[in-house]
Amino acid sequence: MSRTKSSLTADLLSGLKPREPESGPDVIVDFIFRDGFFFISVSNIGDKPAYKVSVKFDCRLFGVAGTKEISALPLFRNIEFLAPKKDIVTFLDSSSSYFGRDAPTKIAARISYRDSDGAKRSVTINHDLEIYREIGYMIKLEDGQQITDQRTD
Protein backbone atom coordinates (compact mmCIF):
# COMPACT_ATOMS: atom_id res chain seq x y z
CA MET A 1 0.00 0.00 0.00
CA SER A 2 1.47 3.32 -0.95
CA ARG A 3 1.24 6.41 1.18
CA THR A 4 0.81 9.89 -0.10
CA LYS A 5 3.47 12.48 0.55
CA SER A 6 1.11 14.56 2.68
CA SER A 7 0.14 11.65 4.93
CA LEU A 8 3.80 10.69 5.39
CA THR A 9 4.67 14.28 6.31
CA ALA A 10 1.74 14.41 8.73
CA ASP A 11 2.90 11.18 10.39
CA LEU A 12 6.46 12.47 10.73
CA LEU A 13 5.34 15.80 12.12
CA SER A 14 2.97 14.20 14.63
CA GLY A 15 5.97 12.66 16.41
CA LEU A 16 7.67 16.03 16.82
CA LYS A 17 6.97 18.05 19.89
CA PRO A 18 5.86 21.57 19.09
CA ARG A 19 8.33 24.20 20.18
CA GLU A 20 7.03 26.14 23.14
CA PRO A 21 6.97 29.86 22.51
CA GLU A 22 9.22 32.00 24.65
CA SER A 23 7.48 33.87 27.40
CA GLY A 24 8.06 37.48 28.26
CA PRO A 25 9.52 38.68 31.54
CA ASP A 26 7.99 37.25 34.71
CA VAL A 27 9.28 38.93 37.86
CA ILE A 28 8.61 37.53 41.31
CA VAL A 29 9.65 38.31 44.88
CA ASP A 30 10.30 35.37 47.15
CA PHE A 31 11.35 34.93 50.75
CA ILE A 32 14.03 32.29 51.10
CA PHE A 33 14.63 30.41 54.35
CA ARG A 34 18.05 28.77 54.47
CA ASP A 35 19.91 27.45 57.52
CA GLY A 36 17.98 29.68 59.93
CA PHE A 37 18.32 32.86 57.85
CA PHE A 38 15.82 34.79 55.73
CA PHE A 39 16.70 36.29 52.37
CA ILE A 40 14.56 38.21 49.88
CA SER A 41 14.93 37.44 46.20
CA VAL A 42 13.83 39.50 43.20
CA SER A 43 13.84 37.10 40.25
CA ASN A 44 12.99 37.25 36.58
CA ILE A 45 11.84 33.70 35.93
CA GLY A 46 10.77 34.59 32.38
CA ASP A 47 12.56 34.23 29.05
CA LYS A 48 12.88 37.94 28.27
CA PRO A 49 14.43 40.84 30.21
CA ALA A 50 12.42 43.05 32.53
CA TYR A 51 12.95 46.80 32.75
CA LYS A 52 12.32 49.37 35.49
CA VAL A 53 11.49 46.76 38.14
CA SER A 54 10.15 48.05 41.45
CA VAL A 55 8.73 46.34 44.52
CA LYS A 56 6.40 47.84 47.10
CA PHE A 57 5.73 45.91 50.27
CA ASP A 58 2.50 46.42 52.21
CA CYS A 59 4.53 46.91 55.40
CA ARG A 60 7.98 48.06 56.43
CA LEU A 61 10.49 45.22 56.76
CA PHE A 62 13.30 45.64 59.25
CA GLY A 63 16.18 43.20 59.25
CA VAL A 64 19.76 42.76 60.42
CA ALA A 65 18.55 42.35 64.02
CA GLY A 66 15.96 45.08 63.46
CA THR A 67 18.56 47.78 62.70
CA LYS A 68 17.97 48.32 58.96
CA GLU A 69 14.82 48.93 56.93
CA ILE A 70 15.35 46.35 54.22
CA SER A 71 12.16 47.31 52.35
CA ALA A 72 13.67 50.78 51.73
CA LEU A 73 16.75 49.47 49.91
CA PRO A 74 17.37 50.87 46.40
CA LEU A 75 17.07 47.28 45.18
CA PHE A 76 13.31 47.53 45.65
CA ARG A 77 12.91 51.04 44.23
CA ASN A 78 14.35 50.54 40.74
CA ILE A 79 16.19 47.81 38.91
CA GLU A 80 16.73 49.30 35.44
CA PHE A 81 17.40 45.91 33.81
CA LEU A 82 16.80 42.39 35.11
CA ALA A 83 18.07 39.72 32.75
CA PRO A 84 16.04 36.57 32.06
CA LYS A 85 16.54 33.78 34.61
CA LYS A 86 18.45 36.16 36.90
CA ASP A 87 17.80 36.81 40.57
CA ILE A 88 19.12 39.34 43.04
CA VAL A 89 19.14 38.21 46.66
CA THR A 90 19.56 40.28 49.81
CA PHE A 91 19.87 39.21 53.43
CA LEU A 92 16.86 39.99 55.63
CA ASP A 93 17.59 38.57 59.08
CA SER A 94 18.08 35.45 61.14
CA SER A 95 14.78 33.71 61.75
CA SER A 96 15.26 33.83 65.53
CA SER A 97 15.80 37.59 65.43
CA TYR A 98 12.94 38.18 63.00
CA PHE A 99 10.40 36.12 64.92
CA GLY A 100 11.75 37.29 68.28
CA ARG A 101 10.65 40.87 67.73
CA ASP A 102 7.19 40.15 66.33
CA ALA A 103 8.03 41.36 62.84
CA PRO A 104 5.27 41.02 60.23
CA THR A 105 4.77 37.52 58.87
CA LYS A 106 1.98 38.15 56.36
CA ILE A 107 3.58 40.26 53.64
CA ALA A 108 2.31 41.35 50.22
CA ALA A 109 4.82 42.39 47.57
CA ARG A 110 3.55 44.43 44.60
CA ILE A 111 5.98 44.04 41.69
CA SER A 112 5.83 46.44 38.73
CA TYR A 113 7.99 46.29 35.61
CA ARG A 114 8.04 46.79 31.86
CA ASP A 115 8.74 44.44 29.00
CA SER A 116 10.97 45.25 26.00
CA ASP A 117 8.04 46.93 24.21
CA GLY A 118 7.48 49.23 27.19
CA ALA A 119 4.23 47.53 28.23
CA LYS A 120 3.60 47.78 31.96
CA ARG A 121 3.13 44.62 33.96
CA SER A 122 2.41 44.15 37.65
CA VAL A 123 1.59 41.39 40.06
CA THR A 124 1.03 41.10 43.81
CA ILE A 125 2.45 38.09 45.61
CA ASN A 126 1.34 37.26 49.15
CA HIS A 127 3.73 35.55 51.55
CA ASP A 128 3.25 34.08 55.01
CA LEU A 129 6.55 33.68 56.84
CA GLU A 130 4.75 32.00 59.72
CA ILE A 131 5.19 28.68 57.89
CA TYR A 132 8.92 28.83 58.73
CA ARG A 133 8.57 29.52 62.46
CA GLU A 134 8.90 25.93 63.65
CA ILE A 135 11.23 24.56 60.99
CA GLY A 136 14.43 23.15 62.49
CA TYR A 137 17.85 23.80 60.98
CA MET A 138 21.50 22.92 61.50
CA ILE A 139 24.16 25.34 62.69
CA LYS A 140 27.74 24.45 61.71
CA LEU A 141 30.45 25.42 64.18
CA GLU A 142 34.01 26.29 63.20
CA ASP A 143 35.31 22.92 64.44
CA GLY A 144 32.92 21.09 62.09
CA GLN A 145 30.40 20.08 64.74
CA GLN A 146 26.73 20.69 64.14
CA ILE A 147 24.06 21.85 66.52
CA THR A 148 20.39 21.26 65.73
CA ASP A 149 17.96 24.03 66.57
CA GLN A 150 14.53 22.45 66.69
CA ARG A 151 12.59 25.71 66.40
CA THR A 152 13.24 29.13 64.98
CA ASP A 153 11.29 31.06 67.64
C-alpha atoms as a PDB file:
ATOM      1  CA  MET A   1       0.000   0.000   0.000  1.00  0.00           C
ATOM      2  CA  SER A   2       1.466   3.317  -0.949  1.00  0.00           C
ATOM      3  CA  ARG A   3       1.237   6.407   1.180  1.00  0.00           C
ATOM      4  CA  THR A   4       0.808   9.895  -0.098  1.00  0.00           C
ATOM      5  CA  LYS A   5       3.475  12.483   0.546  1.00  0.00           C
ATOM      6  CA  SER A   6       1.107  14.565   2.676  1.00  0.00           C
ATOM      7  CA  SER A   7       0.137  11.650   4.935  1.00  0.00           C
ATOM      8  CA  LEU A   8       3.796  10.691   5.394  1.00  0.00           C
ATOM      9  CA  THR A   9       4.669  14.279   6.305  1.00  0.00           C
ATOM     10  CA  ALA A  10       1.744  14.412   8.734  1.00  0.00           C
ATOM     11  CA  ASP A  11       2.897  11.183  10.392  1.00  0.00           C
ATOM     12  CA  LEU A  12       6.457  12.474  10.725  1.00  0.00           C
ATOM     13  CA  LEU A  13       5.337  15.796  12.121  1.00  0.00           C
ATOM     14  CA  SER A  14       2.970  14.203  14.626  1.00  0.00           C
ATOM     15  CA  GLY A  15       5.968  12.662  16.410  1.00  0.00           C
ATOM     16  CA  LEU A  16       7.674  16.028  16.816  1.00  0.00           C
ATOM     17  CA  LYS A  17       6.968  18.050  19.891  1.00  0.00           C
ATOM     18  CA  PRO A  18       5.862  21.566  19.088  1.00  0.00           C
ATOM     19  CA  ARG A  19       8.329  24.199  20.183  1.00  0.00           C
ATOM     20  CA  GLU A  20       7.030  26.137  23.140  1.00  0.00           C
ATOM     21  CA  PRO A  21       6.967  29.858  22.508  1.00  0.00           C
ATOM     22  CA  GLU A  22       9.220  32.005  24.648  1.00  0.00           C
ATOM     23  CA  SER A  23       7.480  33.869  27.395  1.00  0.00           C
ATOM     24  CA  GLY A  24       8.059  37.483  28.263  1.00  0.00           C
ATOM     25  CA  PRO A  25       9.518  38.684  31.541  1.00  0.00           C
ATOM     26  CA  ASP A  26       7.989  37.252  34.705  1.00  0.00           C
ATOM     27  CA  VAL A  27       9.282  38.932  37.857  1.00  0.00           C
ATOM     28  CA  ILE A  28       8.613  37.526  41.315  1.00  0.00           C
ATOM     29  CA  VAL A  29       9.652  38.312  44.876  1.00  0.00           C
ATOM     30  CA  ASP A  30      10.299  35.371  47.147  1.00  0.00           C
ATOM     31  CA  PHE A  31      11.347  34.932  50.754  1.00  0.00           C
ATOM     32  CA  ILE A  32      14.030  32.288  51.096  1.00  0.00           C
ATOM     33  CA  PHE A  33      14.626  30.406  54.347  1.00  0.00           C
ATOM     34  CA  ARG A  34      18.054  28.767  54.473  1.00  0.00           C
ATOM     35  CA  ASP A  35      19.915  27.450  57.523  1.00  0.00           C
ATOM     36  CA  GLY A  36      17.983  29.676  59.927  1.00  0.00           C
ATOM     37  CA  PHE A  37      18.316  32.856  57.847  1.00  0.00           C
ATOM     38  CA  PHE A  38      15.824  34.792  55.730  1.00  0.00           C
ATOM     39  CA  PHE A  39      16.696  36.289  52.373  1.00  0.00           C
ATOM     40  CA  ILE A  40      14.559  38.206  49.883  1.00  0.00           C
ATOM     41  CA  SER A  41      14.932  37.436  46.197  1.00  0.00           C
ATOM     42  CA  VAL A  42      13.831  39.502  43.203  1.00  0.00           C
ATOM     43  CA  SER A  43      13.843  37.096  40.252  1.00  0.00           C
ATOM     44  CA  ASN A  44      12.987  37.248  36.577  1.00  0.00           C
ATOM     45  CA  ILE A  45      11.840  33.697  35.927  1.00  0.00           C
ATOM     46  CA  GLY A  46      10.770  34.594  32.379  1.00  0.00           C
ATOM     47  CA  ASP A  47      12.562  34.226  29.050  1.00  0.00           C
ATOM     48  CA  LYS A  48      12.882  37.945  28.267  1.00  0.00           C
ATOM     49  CA  PRO A  49      14.429  40.845  30.207  1.00  0.00           C
ATOM     50  CA  ALA A  50      12.415  43.048  32.531  1.00  0.00           C
ATOM     51  CA  TYR A  51      12.948  46.801  32.749  1.00  0.00           C
ATOM     52  CA  LYS A  52      12.316  49.365  35.488  1.00  0.00           C
ATOM     53  CA  VAL A  53      11.490  46.759  38.138  1.00  0.00           C
ATOM     54  CA  SER A  54      10.146  48.048  41.453  1.00  0.00           C
ATOM     55  CA  VAL A  55       8.735  46.338  44.519  1.00  0.00           C
ATOM     56  CA  LYS A  56       6.405  47.839  47.098  1.00  0.00           C
ATOM     57  CA  PHE A  57       5.727  45.913  50.274  1.00  0.00           C
ATOM     58  CA  ASP A  58       2.501  46.424  52.212  1.00  0.00           C
ATOM     59  CA  CYS A  59       4.533  46.914  55.400  1.00  0.00           C
ATOM     60  CA  ARG A  60       7.978  48.062  56.433  1.00  0.00           C
ATOM     61  CA  LEU A  61      10.489  45.217  56.756  1.00  0.00           C
ATOM     62  CA  PHE A  62      13.298  45.644  59.246  1.00  0.00           C
ATOM     63  CA  GLY A  63      16.182  43.204  59.245  1.00  0.00           C
ATOM     64  CA  VAL A  64      19.763  42.764  60.420  1.00  0.00           C
ATOM     65  CA  ALA A  65      18.553  42.347  64.016  1.00  0.00           C
ATOM     66  CA  GLY A  66      15.960  45.085  63.458  1.00  0.00           C
ATOM     67  CA  THR A  67      18.558  47.778  62.703  1.00  0.00           C
ATOM     68  CA  LYS A  68      17.969  48.317  58.958  1.00  0.00           C
ATOM     69  CA  GLU A  69      14.824  48.927  56.929  1.00  0.00           C
ATOM     70  CA  ILE A  70      15.346  46.347  54.217  1.00  0.00           C
ATOM     71  CA  SER A  71      12.160  47.314  52.354  1.00  0.00           C
ATOM     72  CA  ALA A  72      13.668  50.776  51.730  1.00  0.00           C
ATOM     73  CA  LEU A  73      16.751  49.473  49.908  1.00  0.00           C
ATOM     74  CA  PRO A  74      17.370  50.875  46.401  1.00  0.00           C
ATOM     75  CA  LEU A  75      17.072  47.280  45.183  1.00  0.00           C
ATOM     76  CA  PHE A  76      13.313  47.525  45.650  1.00  0.00           C
ATOM     77  CA  ARG A  77      12.908  51.038  44.228  1.00  0.00           C
ATOM     78  CA  ASN A  78      14.345  50.541  40.742  1.00  0.00           C
ATOM     79  CA  ILE A  79      16.194  47.811  38.910  1.00  0.00           C
ATOM     80  CA  GLU A  80      16.732  49.296  35.440  1.00  0.00           C
ATOM     81  CA  PHE A  81      17.398  45.909  33.807  1.00  0.00           C
ATOM     82  CA  LEU A  82      16.800  42.395  35.113  1.00  0.00           C
ATOM     83  CA  ALA A  83      18.069  39.718  32.748  1.00  0.00           C
ATOM     84  CA  PRO A  84      16.042  36.570  32.061  1.00  0.00           C
ATOM     85  CA  LYS A  85      16.540  33.780  34.609  1.00  0.00           C
ATOM     86  CA  LYS A  86      18.447  36.159  36.900  1.00  0.00           C
ATOM     87  CA  ASP A  87      17.804  36.808  40.569  1.00  0.00           C
ATOM     88  CA  ILE A  88      19.120  39.340  43.040  1.00  0.00           C
ATOM     89  CA  VAL A  89      19.144  38.208  46.658  1.00  0.00           C
ATOM     90  CA  THR A  90      19.560  40.280  49.814  1.00  0.00           C
ATOM     91  CA  PHE A  91      19.867  39.208  53.433  1.00  0.00           C
ATOM     92  CA  LEU A  92      16.861  39.985  55.625  1.00  0.00           C
ATOM     93  CA  ASP A  93      17.589  38.567  59.085  1.00  0.00           C
ATOM     94  CA  SER A  94      18.080  35.450  61.135  1.00  0.00           C
ATOM     95  CA  SER A  95      14.782  33.713  61.750  1.00  0.00           C
ATOM     96  CA  SER A  96      15.264  33.825  65.527  1.00  0.00           C
ATOM     97  CA  SER A  97      15.802  37.594  65.425  1.00  0.00           C
ATOM     98  CA  TYR A  98      12.941  38.184  62.997  1.00  0.00           C
ATOM     99  CA  PHE A  99      10.397  36.121  64.916  1.00  0.00           C
ATOM    100  CA  GLY A 100      11.754  37.295  68.277  1.00  0.00           C
ATOM    101  CA  ARG A 101      10.653  40.871  67.731  1.00  0.00           C
ATOM    102  CA  ASP A 102       7.191  40.146  66.328  1.00  0.00           C
ATOM    103  CA  ALA A 103       8.034  41.364  62.840  1.00  0.00           C
ATOM    104  CA  PRO A 104       5.269  41.024  60.233  1.00  0.00           C
ATOM    105  CA  THR A 105       4.766  37.521  58.873  1.00  0.00           C
ATOM    106  CA  LYS A 106       1.979  38.149  56.356  1.00  0.00           C
ATOM    107  CA  ILE A 107       3.577  40.262  53.641  1.00  0.00           C
ATOM    108  CA  ALA A 108       2.313  41.351  50.222  1.00  0.00           C
ATOM    109  CA  ALA A 109       4.821  42.390  47.568  1.00  0.00           C
ATOM    110  CA  ARG A 110       3.551  44.433  44.600  1.00  0.00           C
ATOM    111  CA  ILE A 111       5.978  44.037  41.690  1.00  0.00           C
ATOM    112  CA  SER A 112       5.834  46.437  38.731  1.00  0.00           C
ATOM    113  CA  TYR A 113       7.989  46.286  35.607  1.00  0.00           C
ATOM    114  CA  ARG A 114       8.039  46.790  31.855  1.00  0.00           C
ATOM    115  CA  ASP A 115       8.735  44.436  29.003  1.00  0.00           C
ATOM    116  CA  SER A 116      10.967  45.250  25.999  1.00  0.00           C
ATOM    117  CA  ASP A 117       8.038  46.931  24.214  1.00  0.00           C
ATOM    118  CA  GLY A 118       7.479  49.229  27.193  1.00  0.00           C
ATOM    119  CA  ALA A 119       4.226  47.528  28.229  1.00  0.00           C
ATOM    120  CA  LYS A 120       3.599  47.781  31.960  1.00  0.00           C
ATOM    121  CA  ARG A 121       3.127  44.617  33.965  1.00  0.00           C
ATOM    122  CA  SER A 122       2.411  44.154  37.645  1.00  0.00           C
ATOM    123  CA  VAL A 123       1.591  41.390  40.064  1.00  0.00           C
ATOM    124  CA  THR A 124       1.027  41.099  43.812  1.00  0.00           C
ATOM    125  CA  ILE A 125       2.452  38.085  45.608  1.00  0.00           C
ATOM    126  CA  ASN A 126       1.337  37.262  49.151  1.00  0.00           C
ATOM    127  CA  HIS A 127       3.728  35.551  51.551  1.00  0.00           C
ATOM    128  CA  ASP A 128       3.246  34.083  55.008  1.00  0.00           C
ATOM    129  CA  LEU A 129       6.549  33.679  56.838  1.00  0.00           C
ATOM    130  CA  GLU A 130       4.752  31.997  59.724  1.00  0.00           C
ATOM    131  CA  ILE A 131       5.190  28.680  57.893  1.00  0.00           C
ATOM    132  CA  TYR A 132       8.923  28.834  58.729  1.00  0.00           C
ATOM    133  CA  ARG A 133       8.571  29.516  62.458  1.00  0.00           C
ATOM    134  CA  GLU A 134       8.905  25.932  63.648  1.00  0.00           C
ATOM    135  CA  ILE A 135      11.235  24.557  60.994  1.00  0.00           C
ATOM    136  CA  GLY A 136      14.430  23.154  62.490  1.00  0.00           C
ATOM    137  CA  TYR A 137      17.847  23.802  60.984  1.00  0.00           C
ATOM    138  CA  MET A 138      21.500  22.924  61.499  1.00  0.00           C
ATOM    139  CA  ILE A 139      24.164  25.345  62.689  1.00  0.00           C
ATOM    140  CA  LYS A 140      27.736  24.455  61.713  1.00  0.00           C
ATOM    141  CA  LEU A 141      30.445  25.418  64.179  1.00  0.00           C
ATOM    142  CA  GLU A 142      34.014  26.288  63.202  1.00  0.00           C
ATOM    143  CA  ASP A 143      35.306  22.924  64.437  1.00  0.00           C
ATOM    144  CA  GLY A 144      32.916  21.094  62.092  1.00  0.00           C
ATOM    145  CA  GLN A 145      30.400  20.084  64.742  1.00  0.00           C
ATOM    146  CA  GLN A 146      26.730  20.694  64.140  1.00  0.00           C
ATOM    147  CA  ILE A 147      24.056  21.851  66.524  1.00  0.00           C
ATOM    148  CA  THR A 148      20.395  21.259  65.730  1.00  0.00           C
ATOM    149  CA  ASP A 149      17.956  24.027  66.572  1.00  0.00           C
ATOM    150  CA  GLN A 150      14.525  22.447  66.688  1.00  0.00           C
ATOM    151  CA  ARG A 151      12.594  25.706  66.400  1.00  0.00           C
ATOM    152  CA  THR A 152      13.235  29.133  64.981  1.00  0.00           C
ATOM    153  CA  ASP A 153      11.293  31.056  67.645  1.00  0.00           C
END
